[in-house]
Amino acid sequence: MWFIMRESVVVSMGETFSNQAPCVPPGAANVLATIRKGPGEGQAIRLRRAASVFGSKQGCKLVLRHPTINRRHCLIVNTGLRVILRDLDTRGGTLRNGLKVEQEFLEDDDRMTLGPWEFQIDIRNSELQGASDSPIVIDLEPDPTVLAIEDLQTGKLTKLTREVCLLGRSDGADIVIDDRDISYAHAAIFSYLGKPAIFDLVSENGTQVNGQHVNFAMLQDCDELTLGSQTVRFRSNTPGIRSNGLASNGSALKPKPFLPPPEGTLSDLIDLSGESRLQ
């Protein structure tokens, strides 16, 4: 189904959510991105998921069709505690409140600029609607955490030092994998509900964890990550993460989790065009 909006903006709905991260649970920040300048001005997009990719490639949460927008331009991550903006090593850059950024925490009423678009970011923290079967996993006494990627051939460990770490072929990636089967911005590793997770950035050849194709997956120590044709090993000393997959209290490590998407979110990808279109 296609809707023609003012200024010759094309908004397409009806994609599946197969390339999307899970919806964040109750109690996590509610994020709203409203277009203040550019095609589609006035449209508000609710970012309900743990990670949302903005770019010109089909499959992104928000497809922005304009020559200044990279195929994978930027990523907004909702960790359940904070909201993070990460530029995906783009040509034109990503601006937060008028300043070019690589990675920054987003605050309520921030302005984010991508090419001809300016978004106002509204962040509201909701009351936690706790329940006995709540999937939220929170470590009340967090200990220092070290995350790293191990080269299977050399054994070299590269520490992941950023809140959102980029894996890809780009020279600006945190983990650079020089292989033509790897997308420039291929996948991201970040903390979700206090545990490490990997998210495929709508890559060309996909991401696998222990041989299984994933769009989003929680990680534990010694998981093998395959990007394109290259395999590396994820390493972590995160408290509670053990090779047997059990937390320190003996319960299953992975927050089994993910809340089912609310009604109406199976088709929540949006396509905006900043180029003229003949009627």
C-alpha atoms as a PDB file:
ATOM      1  CA  MET A   1       0.000   0.000   0.000  1.00  0.00           C
ATOM      2  CA  TRP A   2       1.347   3.437  -0.962  1.00  0.00           C
ATOM      3  CA  PHE A   3       0.504   6.839   0.446  1.00  0.00           C
ATOM      4  CA  ILE A   4       1.450  10.058  -1.361  1.00  0.00           C
ATOM      5  CA  MET A   5       2.322  12.809   1.092  1.00  0.00           C
ATOM      6  CA  ARG A   6       2.906  16.520   0.528  1.00  0.00           C
ATOM      7  CA  GLU A   7       6.182  17.648  -1.060  1.00  0.00           C
ATOM      8  CA  SER A   8       6.152  14.530  -3.245  1.00  0.00           C
ATOM      9  CA  VAL A   9       7.200  12.344  -0.343  1.00  0.00           C
ATOM     10  CA  VAL A  10       6.517   8.661  -0.790  1.00  0.00           C
ATOM     11  CA  VAL A  11       5.785   6.731   2.377  1.00  0.00           C
ATOM     12  CA  SER A  12       5.577   2.982   1.919  1.00  0.00           C
ATOM     13  CA  MET A  13       4.153   0.642   4.492  1.00  0.00           C
ATOM     14  CA  GLY A  14       3.645  -3.082   4.390  1.00  0.00           C
ATOM     15  CA  GLU A  15       7.147  -4.467   4.922  1.00  0.00           C
ATOM     16  CA  THR A  16       7.695  -7.228   7.447  1.00  0.00           C
ATOM     17  CA  PHE A  17       9.706  -6.666  10.600  1.00  0.00           C
ATOM     18  CA  SER A  18      12.192  -9.442   9.848  1.00  0.00           C
ATOM     19  CA  ASN A  19      15.111  -7.002   9.785  1.00  0.00           C
ATOM     20  CA  GLN A  20      14.129  -5.333  13.047  1.00  0.00           C
ATOM     21  CA  ALA A  21      15.233  -5.715  16.652  1.00  0.00           C
ATOM     22  CA  PRO A  22      12.721  -6.661  19.371  1.00  0.00           C
ATOM     23  CA  CYS A  23      10.349  -4.088  20.843  1.00  0.00           C
ATOM     24  CA  VAL A  24      11.678  -2.678  24.109  1.00  0.00           C
ATOM     25  CA  PRO A  25       9.809  -3.808  27.247  1.00  0.00           C
ATOM     26  CA  PRO A  26       7.660  -1.705  29.569  1.00  0.00           C
ATOM     27  CA  GLY A  27       9.821   0.583  31.666  1.00  0.00           C
ATOM     28  CA  ALA A  28      12.312   1.352  28.885  1.00  0.00           C
ATOM     29  CA  ALA A  29      12.504   4.842  27.411  1.00  0.00           C
ATOM     30  CA  ASN A  30       9.885   5.776  24.814  1.00  0.00           C
ATOM     31  CA  VAL A  31      11.533   7.430  21.808  1.00  0.00           C
ATOM     32  CA  LEU A  32       9.762   9.552  19.202  1.00  0.00           C
ATOM     33  CA  ALA A  33      11.491  11.073  16.146  1.00  0.00           C
ATOM     34  CA  THR A  34       9.519  13.913  14.542  1.00  0.00           C
ATOM     35  CA  ILE A  35      10.564  15.405  11.197  1.00  0.00           C
ATOM     36  CA  ARG A  36      10.950  19.169  11.726  1.00  0.00           C
ATOM     37  CA  LYS A  37      12.652  19.985   8.424  1.00  0.00           C
ATOM     38  CA  GLY A  38      12.723  18.200   5.091  1.00  0.00           C
ATOM     39  CA  PRO A  39      10.389  15.912   3.161  1.00  0.00           C
ATOM     40  CA  GLY A  40       7.638  14.520   5.371  1.00  0.00           C
ATOM     41  CA  GLU A  41       7.792  17.498   7.750  1.00  0.00           C
ATOM     42  CA  GLY A  42       5.540  16.966  10.749  1.00  0.00           C
ATOM     43  CA  GLN A  43       5.534  13.176  10.552  1.00  0.00           C
ATOM     44  CA  ALA A  44       6.291  11.462  13.870  1.00  0.00           C
ATOM     45  CA  ILE A  45       7.992   8.040  13.953  1.00  0.00           C
ATOM     46  CA  ARG A  46       7.891   6.023  17.157  1.00  0.00           C
ATOM     47  CA  LEU A  47      11.088   4.018  17.693  1.00  0.00           C
ATOM     48  CA  ARG A  48       9.729   1.040  19.599  1.00  0.00           C
ATOM     49  CA  ARG A  49      12.618  -1.307  19.032  1.00  0.00           C
ATOM     50  CA  ALA A  50      15.992  -1.896  20.677  1.00  0.00           C
ATOM     51  CA  ALA A  51      17.782  -0.731  17.518  1.00  0.00           C
ATOM     52  CA  SER A  52      16.634   1.322  14.523  1.00  0.00           C
ATOM     53  CA  VAL A  53      18.685   1.887  11.354  1.00  0.00           C
ATOM     54  CA  PHE A  54      18.256   5.063   9.288  1.00  0.00           C
ATOM     55  CA  GLY A  55      19.552   4.904   5.704  1.00  0.00           C
ATOM     56  CA  SER A  56      18.721   4.645   2.024  1.00  0.00           C
ATOM     57  CA  LYS A  57      18.754   0.822   1.871  1.00  0.00           C
ATOM     58  CA  GLN A  58      15.487  -1.065   1.780  1.00  0.00           C
ATOM     59  CA  GLY A  59      14.999  -2.830   5.105  1.00  0.00           C
ATOM     60  CA  CYS A  60      16.112   0.066   7.304  1.00  0.00           C
ATOM     61  CA  LYS A  61      13.619   1.236   9.922  1.00  0.00           C
ATOM     62  CA  LEU A  62      13.504   4.617   8.170  1.00  0.00           C
ATOM     63  CA  VAL A  63      14.440   4.586   4.479  1.00  0.00           C
ATOM     64  CA  LEU A  64      15.612   8.091   3.495  1.00  0.00           C
ATOM     65  CA  ARG A  65      16.036   8.343  -0.252  1.00  0.00           C
ATOM     66  CA  HIS A  66      18.430  11.194  -1.007  1.00  0.00           C
ATOM     67  CA  PRO A  67      21.947  11.406  -2.549  1.00  0.00           C
ATOM     68  CA  THR A  68      23.446  12.615   0.761  1.00  0.00           C
ATOM     69  CA  ILE A  69      22.188   9.592   2.704  1.00  0.00           C
ATOM     70  CA  ASN A  70      24.316   6.440   2.955  1.00  0.00           C
ATOM     71  CA  ARG A  71      22.772   3.001   2.543  1.00  0.00           C
ATOM     72  CA  ARG A  72      23.245   2.515   6.304  1.00  0.00           C
ATOM     73  CA  HIS A  73      23.581   6.011   7.709  1.00  0.00           C
ATOM     74  CA  CYS A  74      23.049   5.926  11.463  1.00  0.00           C
ATOM     75  CA  LEU A  75      21.780   3.714  14.244  1.00  0.00           C
ATOM     76  CA  ILE A  76      19.679   4.605  17.292  1.00  0.00           C
ATOM     77  CA  VAL A  77      19.993   2.073  20.123  1.00  0.00           C
ATOM     78  CA  ASN A  78      17.660   1.871  23.116  1.00  0.00           C
ATOM     79  CA  THR A  79      19.566  -0.167  25.710  1.00  0.00           C
ATOM     80  CA  GLY A  80      16.615  -0.144  28.085  1.00  0.00           C
ATOM     81  CA  LEU A  81      18.447   2.445  30.200  1.00  0.00           C
ATOM     82  CA  ARG A  82      19.881   4.971  27.746  1.00  0.00           C
ATOM     83  CA  VAL A  83      19.365   5.991  24.105  1.00  0.00           C
ATOM     84  CA  ILE A  84      22.470   6.144  21.899  1.00  0.00           C
ATOM     85  CA  LEU A  85      23.049   7.658  18.456  1.00  0.00           C
ATOM     86  CA  ARG A  86      25.806   6.083  16.340  1.00  0.00           C
ATOM     87  CA  ASP A  87      26.943   7.365  12.948  1.00  0.00           C
ATOM     88  CA  LEU A  88      27.847   4.439  10.672  1.00  0.00           C
ATOM     89  CA  ASP A  89      31.001   6.064   9.274  1.00  0.00           C
ATOM     90  CA  THR A  90      29.130   8.071   6.648  1.00  0.00           C
ATOM     91  CA  ARG A  91      30.309  10.551   4.033  1.00  0.00           C
ATOM     92  CA  GLY A  92      27.977  13.391   4.976  1.00  0.00           C
ATOM     93  CA  GLY A  93      27.908  12.614   8.680  1.00  0.00           C
ATOM     94  CA  THR A  94      25.243  12.657  11.374  1.00  0.00           C
ATOM     95  CA  LEU A  95      24.617  15.799  13.397  1.00  0.00           C
ATOM     96  CA  ARG A  96      23.335  16.108  16.962  1.00  0.00           C
ATOM     97  CA  ASN A  97      22.272  19.644  17.829  1.00  0.00           C
ATOM     98  CA  GLY A  98      24.292  20.960  14.883  1.00  0.00           C
ATOM     99  CA  LEU A  99      27.531  19.139  15.717  1.00  0.00           C
ATOM    100  CA  LYS A 100      28.925  16.172  13.816  1.00  0.00           C
ATOM    101  CA  VAL A 101      29.038  13.047  15.963  1.00  0.00           C
ATOM    102  CA  GLU A 102      30.434   9.537  15.867  1.00  0.00           C
ATOM    103  CA  GLN A 103      28.548   8.334  18.925  1.00  0.00           C
ATOM    104  CA  GLU A 104      26.586  10.254  21.564  1.00  0.00           C
ATOM    105  CA  PHE A 105      23.906   9.683  24.169  1.00  0.00           C
ATOM    106  CA  LEU A 106      20.627  11.234  23.060  1.00  0.00           C
ATOM    107  CA  GLU A 107      18.638  13.440  25.412  1.00  0.00           C
ATOM    108  CA  ASP A 108      15.058  14.655  25.311  1.00  0.00           C
ATOM    109  CA  ASP A 109      14.506  17.472  22.755  1.00  0.00           C
ATOM    110  CA  ASP A 110      17.776  16.817  20.893  1.00  0.00           C
ATOM    111  CA  ARG A 111      17.892  17.610  17.165  1.00  0.00           C
ATOM    112  CA  MET A 112      19.338  15.028  14.754  1.00  0.00           C
ATOM    113  CA  THR A 113      20.235  16.036  11.192  1.00  0.00           C
ATOM    114  CA  LEU A 114      20.728  13.615   8.275  1.00  0.00           C
ATOM    115  CA  GLY A 115      21.104  15.241   4.853  1.00  0.00           C
ATOM    116  CA  PRO A 116      18.023  17.453   4.258  1.00  0.00           C
ATOM    117  CA  TRP A 117      16.157  15.990   7.251  1.00  0.00           C
ATOM    118  CA  GLU A 118      16.101  17.373  10.780  1.00  0.00           C
ATOM    119  CA  PHE A 119      14.446  15.261  13.482  1.00  0.00           C
ATOM    120  CA  GLN A 120      13.373  16.310  16.936  1.00  0.00           C
ATOM    121  CA  ILE A 121      14.004  13.491  19.405  1.00  0.00           C
ATOM    122  CA  ASP A 122      11.544  13.134  22.286  1.00  0.00           C
ATOM    123  CA  ILE A 123      12.486  10.714  25.048  1.00  0.00           C
ATOM    124  CA  ARG A 124      10.081   9.847  27.832  1.00  0.00           C
ATOM    125  CA  ASN A 125      10.801   7.421  30.639  1.00  0.00           C
ATOM    126  CA  SER A 126       7.705   5.387  31.481  1.00  0.00           C
ATOM    127  CA  GLU A 127       6.856   3.824  34.812  1.00  0.00           C
ATOM    128  CA  LEU A 128       7.969   0.216  35.032  1.00  0.00           C
ATOM    129  CA  GLN A 129       4.910  -2.003  34.896  1.00  0.00           C
ATOM    130  CA  GLY A 130       6.518  -4.903  36.714  1.00  0.00           C
ATOM    131  CA  ALA A 131       5.078  -8.360  36.790  1.00  0.00           C
ATOM    132  CA  SER A 132       6.218 -11.660  38.203  1.00  0.00           C
ATOM    133  CA  ASP A 133       7.040 -12.923  34.702  1.00  0.00           C
ATOM    134  CA  SER A 134       8.700  -9.719  33.522  1.00  0.00           C
ATOM    135  CA  PRO A 135      11.450 -10.487  30.953  1.00  0.00           C
ATOM    136  CA  ILE A 136      13.581  -7.542  32.069  1.00  0.00           C
ATOM    137  CA  VAL A 137      17.016  -8.595  33.348  1.00  0.00           C
ATOM    138  CA  ILE A 138      18.682  -5.932  35.487  1.00  0.00           C
ATOM    139  CA  ASP A 139      21.938  -6.395  37.400  1.00  0.00           C
ATOM    140  CA  LEU A 140      21.521  -4.299  40.546  1.00  0.00           C
ATOM    141  CA  GLU A 141      25.229  -4.512  41.371  1.00  0.00           C
ATOM    142  CA  PRO A 142      27.004  -4.411  38.010  1.00  0.00           C
ATOM    143  CA  ASP A 143      30.689  -5.279  37.938  1.00  0.00           C
ATOM    144  CA  PRO A 144      33.256  -4.088  35.389  1.00  0.00           C
ATOM    145  CA  THR A 145      32.599  -5.735  32.046  1.00  0.00           C
ATOM    146  CA  VAL A 146      35.078  -6.520  29.286  1.00  0.00           C
ATOM    147  CA  LEU A 147      33.840  -7.416  25.812  1.00  0.00           C
ATOM    148  CA  ALA A 148      36.217  -8.434  23.039  1.00  0.00           C
ATOM    149  CA  ILE A 149      36.433 -10.028  19.608  1.00  0.00           C
ATOM    150  CA  GLU A 150      38.924 -12.878  19.111  1.00  0.00           C
ATOM    151  CA  ASP A 151      40.598 -13.573  15.775  1.00  0.00           C
ATOM    152  CA  LEU A 152      40.286 -17.343  15.293  1.00  0.00           C
ATOM    153  CA  GLN A 153      43.505 -17.558  13.278  1.00  0.00           C
ATOM    154  CA  THR A 154      45.841 -15.472  15.433  1.00  0.00           C
ATOM    155  CA  GLY A 155      44.076 -15.568  18.796  1.00  0.00           C
ATOM    156  CA  LYS A 156      44.380 -11.782  19.014  1.00  0.00           C
ATOM    157  CA  LEU A 157      41.784 -10.111  21.226  1.00  0.00           C
ATOM    158  CA  THR A 158      40.406  -6.666  20.344  1.00  0.00           C
ATOM    159  CA  LYS A 159      38.566  -5.006  23.197  1.00  0.00           C
ATOM    160  CA  LEU A 160      35.195  -3.397  22.462  1.00  0.00           C
ATOM    161  CA  THR A 161      35.393  -0.021  24.178  1.00  0.00           C
ATOM    162  CA  ARG A 162      32.306   1.838  22.945  1.00  0.00           C
ATOM    163  CA  GLU A 163      28.687   1.514  24.025  1.00  0.00           C
ATOM    164  CA  VAL A 164      27.816   0.658  20.412  1.00  0.00           C
ATOM    165  CA  CYS A 165      30.624  -1.114  18.543  1.00  0.00           C
ATOM    166  CA  LEU A 166      30.547  -1.288  14.760  1.00  0.00           C
ATOM    167  CA  LEU A 167      31.771  -4.337  12.840  1.00  0.00           C
ATOM    168  CA  GLY A 168      32.370  -4.003   9.108  1.00  0.00           C
ATOM    169  CA  ARG A 169      34.672  -3.288   6.184  1.00  0.00           C
ATOM    170  CA  SER A 170      34.774   0.472   6.785  1.00  0.00           C
ATOM    171  CA  ASP A 171      38.027   1.950   8.093  1.00  0.00           C
ATOM    172  CA  GLY A 172      35.950   3.700  10.757  1.00  0.00           C
ATOM    173  CA  ALA A 173      34.543   0.473  12.203  1.00  0.00           C
ATOM    174  CA  ASP A 174      35.609  -0.609  15.699  1.00  0.00           C
ATOM    175  CA  ILE A 175      36.323  -4.081  14.319  1.00  0.00           C
ATOM    176  CA  VAL A 176      37.533  -3.816  10.714  1.00  0.00           C
ATOM    177  CA  ILE A 177      37.108  -7.020   8.688  1.00  0.00           C
ATOM    178  CA  ASP A 178      38.720  -6.612   5.279  1.00  0.00           C
ATOM    179  CA  ASP A 179      36.644  -8.930   3.136  1.00  0.00           C
ATOM    180  CA  ARG A 180      34.469  -8.139   0.119  1.00  0.00           C
ATOM    181  CA  ASP A 181      31.647 -10.279   1.540  1.00  0.00           C
ATOM    182  CA  ILE A 182      31.422  -7.882   4.507  1.00  0.00           C
ATOM    183  CA  SER A 183      29.282  -4.724   4.295  1.00  0.00           C
ATOM    184  CA  TYR A 184      30.989  -1.438   5.210  1.00  0.00           C
ATOM    185  CA  ALA A 185      28.679  -1.243   8.231  1.00  0.00           C
ATOM    186  CA  HIS A 186      27.736  -4.880   8.776  1.00  0.00           C
ATOM    187  CA  ALA A 187      26.648  -5.383  12.408  1.00  0.00           C
ATOM    188  CA  ALA A 188      26.694  -3.680  15.803  1.00  0.00           C
ATOM    189  CA  ILE A 189      27.318  -5.027  19.301  1.00  0.00           C
ATOM    190  CA  PHE A 190      25.806  -3.219  22.272  1.00  0.00           C
ATOM    191  CA  SER A 191      24.236  -3.784  25.674  1.00  0.00           C
ATOM    192  CA  TYR A 192      20.503  -4.515  25.771  1.00  0.00           C
ATOM    193  CA  LEU A 193      18.831  -4.881  29.166  1.00  0.00           C
ATOM    194  CA  GLY A 194      22.285  -5.183  30.699  1.00  0.00           C
ATOM    195  CA  LYS A 195      23.470  -8.054  28.480  1.00  0.00           C
ATOM    196  CA  PRO A 196      25.523  -7.999  25.253  1.00  0.00           C
ATOM    197  CA  ALA A 197      23.650  -8.348  21.964  1.00  0.00           C
ATOM    198  CA  ILE A 198      24.429  -8.259  18.250  1.00  0.00           C
ATOM    199  CA  PHE A 199      22.280  -6.598  15.586  1.00  0.00           C
ATOM    200  CA  ASP A 200      22.665  -7.074  11.840  1.00  0.00           C
ATOM    201  CA  LEU A 201      22.650  -3.710  10.023  1.00  0.00           C
ATOM    202  CA  VAL A 202      20.657  -4.881   6.998  1.00  0.00           C
ATOM    203  CA  SER A 203      23.912  -6.326   5.659  1.00  0.00           C
ATOM    204  CA  GLU A 204      24.255  -7.798   2.187  1.00  0.00           C
ATOM    205  CA  ASN A 205      25.325 -11.302   3.252  1.00  0.00           C
ATOM    206  CA  GLY A 206      23.891 -11.555   6.737  1.00  0.00           C
ATOM    207  CA  THR A 207      25.129 -12.324  10.243  1.00  0.00           C
ATOM    208  CA  GLN A 208      25.259 -15.716  11.949  1.00  0.00           C
ATOM    209  CA  VAL A 209      25.685 -16.679  15.595  1.00  0.00           C
ATOM    210  CA  ASN A 210      26.950 -20.233  16.052  1.00  0.00           C
ATOM    211  CA  GLY A 211      25.879 -21.070  12.508  1.00  0.00           C
ATOM    212  CA  GLN A 212      22.363 -19.634  12.723  1.00  0.00           C
ATOM    213  CA  HIS A 213      21.312 -16.570  10.735  1.00  0.00           C
ATOM    214  CA  VAL A 214      20.126 -13.798  13.036  1.00  0.00           C
ATOM    215  CA  ASN A 215      18.923 -10.228  12.804  1.00  0.00           C
ATOM    216  CA  PHE A 216      19.235  -9.744  16.558  1.00  0.00           C
ATOM    217  CA  ALA A 217      20.613 -12.093  19.220  1.00  0.00           C
ATOM    218  CA  MET A 218      21.788 -12.011  22.806  1.00  0.00           C
ATOM    219  CA  LEU A 219      25.439 -13.050  23.135  1.00  0.00           C
ATOM    220  CA  GLN A 220      27.447 -15.088  25.589  1.00  0.00           C
ATOM    221  CA  ASP A 221      31.126 -15.909  25.961  1.00  0.00           C
ATOM    222  CA  CYS A 222      32.635 -18.006  23.142  1.00  0.00           C
ATOM    223  CA  ASP A 223      29.796 -17.457  20.679  1.00  0.00           C
ATOM    224  CA  GLU A 224      31.096 -17.625  17.114  1.00  0.00           C
ATOM    225  CA  LEU A 225      30.017 -14.738  14.883  1.00  0.00           C
ATOM    226  CA  THR A 226      30.038 -15.166  11.118  1.00  0.00           C
ATOM    227  CA  LEU A 227      29.836 -12.013   9.024  1.00  0.00           C
ATOM    228  CA  GLY A 228      29.745 -12.781   5.326  1.00  0.00           C
ATOM    229  CA  SER A 229      32.391 -15.481   4.959  1.00  0.00           C
ATOM    230  CA  GLN A 230      34.485 -14.494   8.000  1.00  0.00           C
ATOM    231  CA  THR A 231      34.126 -15.972  11.498  1.00  0.00           C
ATOM    232  CA  VAL A 232      35.335 -14.447  14.774  1.00  0.00           C
ATOM    233  CA  ARG A 233      34.700 -15.349  18.413  1.00  0.00           C
ATOM    234  CA  PHE A 234      32.918 -13.126  20.923  1.00  0.00           C
ATOM    235  CA  ARG A 235      34.544 -13.038  24.362  1.00  0.00           C
ATOM    236  CA  SER A 236      33.124 -11.617  27.575  1.00  0.00           C
ATOM    237  CA  ASN A 237      33.752 -11.627  31.301  1.00  0.00           C
ATOM    238  CA  THR A 238      30.266 -10.251  31.969  1.00  0.00           C
ATOM    239  CA  PRO A 239      29.152 -11.452  35.423  1.00  0.00           C
ATOM    240  CA  GLY A 240      26.686 -14.290  35.088  1.00  0.00           C
ATOM    241  CA  ILE A 241      27.811 -15.266  31.589  1.00  0.00           C
ATOM    242  CA  ARG A 242      29.327 -18.736  31.588  1.00  0.00           C
ATOM    243  CA  SER A 243      30.022 -21.296  28.933  1.00  0.00           C
ATOM    244  CA  ASN A 244      27.203 -23.507  30.231  1.00  0.00           C
ATOM    245  CA  GLY A 245      24.707 -20.745  29.448  1.00  0.00           C
ATOM    246  CA  LEU A 246      23.595 -20.307  33.078  1.00  0.00           C
ATOM    247  CA  ALA A 247      23.522 -17.172  35.178  1.00  0.00           C
ATOM    248  CA  SER A 248      25.289 -17.087  38.552  1.00  0.00           C
ATOM    249  CA  ASN A 249      22.018 -18.021  40.281  1.00  0.00           C
ATOM    250  CA  GLY A 250      21.612 -21.083  38.051  1.00  0.00           C
ATOM    251  CA  SER A 251      18.822 -19.641  35.903  1.00  0.00           C
ATOM    252  CA  ALA A 252      18.934 -19.552  32.105  1.00  0.00           C
ATOM    253  CA  LEU A 253      21.161 -16.737  30.882  1.00  0.00           C
ATOM    254  CA  LYS A 254      19.168 -15.381  27.960  1.00  0.00           C
ATOM    255  CA  PRO A 255      16.129 -13.322  29.032  1.00  0.00           C
ATOM    256  CA  LYS A 256      13.779 -15.398  26.982  1.00  0.00           C
ATOM    257  CA  PRO A 257      12.356 -12.904  26.303  1.00  0.00           C
ATOM    258  CA  PHE A 258      11.426 -10.618  23.803  1.00  0.00           C
ATOM    259  CA  LEU A 259       7.990  -9.158  24.219  1.00  0.00           C
ATOM    260  CA  PRO A 260       5.700  -9.846  21.270  1.00  0.00           C
ATOM    261  CA  PRO A 261       5.323  -6.739  19.117  1.00  0.00           C
ATOM    262  CA  PRO A 262       2.180  -4.760  19.878  1.00  0.00           C
ATOM    263  CA  GLU A 263      -0.615  -4.707  17.334  1.00  0.00           C
ATOM    264  CA  GLY A 264       0.219  -2.650  14.296  1.00  0.00           C
ATOM    265  CA  THR A 265       4.006  -3.065  14.511  1.00  0.00           C
ATOM    266  CA  LEU A 266       4.421  -5.934  12.062  1.00  0.00           C
ATOM    267  CA  SER A 267       4.687  -3.325   9.299  1.00  0.00           C
ATOM    268  CA  ASP A 268       6.515  -0.479  10.959  1.00  0.00           C
ATOM    269  CA  LEU A 269       9.157   0.304   8.334  1.00  0.00           C
ATOM    270  CA  ILE A 270       8.855   3.733   6.744  1.00  0.00           C
ATOM    271  CA  ASP A 271      10.130   4.967   3.383  1.00  0.00           C
ATOM    272  CA  LEU A 272      10.697   8.668   2.716  1.00  0.00           C
ATOM    273  CA  SER A 273      11.921  10.172  -0.541  1.00  0.00           C
ATOM    274  CA  GLY A 274      13.533  13.585  -0.764  1.00  0.00           C
ATOM    275  CA  GLU A 275      13.627  13.380  -4.531  1.00  0.00           C
ATOM    276  CA  SER A 276      10.944  14.730  -6.811  1.00  0.00           C
ATOM    277  CA  ARG A 277       8.384  12.245  -8.099  1.00  0.00           C
ATOM    278  CA  LEU A 278       6.147  12.671 -11.128  1.00  0.00           C
ATOM    279  CA  GLN A 279       2.450  12.342 -10.289  1.00  0.00           C
END
